[in-house]
Amino acid sequence: MGNATDTLIGWSLTVALLACLLGFIWGGALVGIGNNTERPDMAARGKRSMLWSCVAAGGIGAVFGLVGAFYNLARG
C-alpha cells in the first residue's frame, strides 16, 4: 500500500484497538464496582461491555486483514 494509506490505516487501527481496550478496562471496573456494592445490574453491564469490546477488537482485526488482502489482490 502507499505510504499515506499505510499511515492512515495504521493510525485508524491503533485508535480503534485502544478504544476497545479502554472499553474492556471500563467494563472490568464496572464488574468490580458492581460486585462490591451488590449491584448486579452494574456488574452485568460491565460483563457485556467486556464481551463487546473483545468482539469489536476481533472484528477490527478481521476487517484490517480483509482490506489488506483485497488491496493486494487488486494490485495483482
Protein backbone atom coordinates (compact mmCIF):
# COMPACT_ATOMS: atom_id res chain seq x y z
CA MET A 1 0.00 0.00 0.00
CA GLY A 2 1.04 3.58 -0.39
CA ASN A 3 2.81 5.43 2.38
CA ALA A 4 -0.15 7.74 3.15
CA THR A 5 -2.58 4.83 3.06
CA ASP A 6 -0.40 2.77 5.39
CA THR A 7 -0.21 5.66 7.83
CA LEU A 8 -3.96 6.27 7.78
CA ILE A 9 -4.86 2.61 8.22
CA GLY A 10 -2.22 2.14 10.91
CA TRP A 11 -3.46 5.08 12.98
CA SER A 12 -7.09 4.07 12.49
CA LEU A 13 -6.33 0.54 13.63
CA THR A 14 -4.37 1.78 16.64
CA VAL A 15 -7.07 4.21 17.77
CA ALA A 16 -9.84 1.64 17.31
CA LEU A 17 -8.00 -1.05 19.27
CA LEU A 18 -7.17 1.43 22.05
CA ALA A 19 -10.88 2.29 22.25
CA CYS A 20 -11.64 -1.43 22.58
CA LEU A 21 -9.02 -1.77 25.30
CA LEU A 22 -10.46 1.19 27.22
CA GLY A 23 -13.95 -0.30 26.89
CA PHE A 24 -12.66 -3.61 28.25
CA ILE A 25 -10.95 -1.88 31.19
CA TRP A 26 -14.06 0.20 31.91
CA GLY A 27 -16.18 -2.97 31.81
CA GLY A 28 -13.83 -4.64 34.28
CA ALA A 29 -14.16 -1.65 36.58
CA LEU A 30 -17.95 -1.86 36.35
CA VAL A 31 -17.85 -5.55 37.23
CA GLY A 32 -15.65 -4.88 40.23
CA ILE A 33 -17.74 -1.98 41.49
CA GLY A 34 -21.00 -3.81 40.83
CA ASN A 35 -19.89 -6.89 42.73
CA ASN A 36 -18.55 -4.93 45.70
CA THR A 37 -21.62 -2.70 46.04
CA GLU A 38 -24.11 -5.53 45.50
CA ARG A 39 -25.47 -4.04 42.28
CA PRO A 40 -25.83 -6.99 39.90
CA ASP A 41 -27.18 -4.79 37.10
CA MET A 42 -23.93 -2.80 37.03
CA ALA A 43 -21.86 -6.00 37.03
CA ALA A 44 -23.94 -7.39 34.16
CA ARG A 45 -23.41 -4.20 32.13
CA GLY A 46 -19.68 -4.48 32.78
CA LYS A 47 -19.62 -8.08 31.58
CA ARG A 48 -21.49 -7.11 28.41
CA SER A 49 -19.07 -4.25 27.87
CA MET A 50 -16.10 -6.56 28.19
CA LEU A 51 -17.65 -9.09 25.80
CA TRP A 52 -18.49 -6.50 23.14
CA SER A 53 -15.05 -4.92 23.43
CA CYS A 54 -13.49 -8.30 22.61
CA VAL A 55 -15.91 -8.85 19.72
CA ALA A 56 -15.17 -5.39 18.34
CA ALA A 57 -11.41 -5.93 18.58
CA GLY A 58 -11.74 -9.22 16.68
CA GLY A 59 -13.90 -7.54 14.04
CA ILE A 60 -11.41 -4.72 13.63
CA GLY A 61 -8.59 -7.21 13.15
CA ALA A 62 -10.60 -9.17 10.59
CA VAL A 63 -11.53 -6.04 8.63
CA PHE A 64 -7.91 -4.86 8.62
CA GLY A 65 -6.81 -8.23 7.25
CA LEU A 66 -9.54 -8.24 4.59
CA VAL A 67 -8.71 -4.72 3.44
CA GLY A 68 -5.06 -5.66 3.06
CA ALA A 69 -5.90 -8.89 1.24
CA PHE A 70 -8.29 -7.26 -1.22
CA TYR A 71 -5.88 -4.37 -1.82
CA ASN A 72 -3.06 -6.79 -2.64
CA LEU A 73 -5.40 -8.88 -4.78
CA ALA A 74 -6.41 -5.82 -6.80
CA ARG A 75 -2.77 -4.85 -7.34
CA GLY A 76 -2.01 -8.27 -8.75
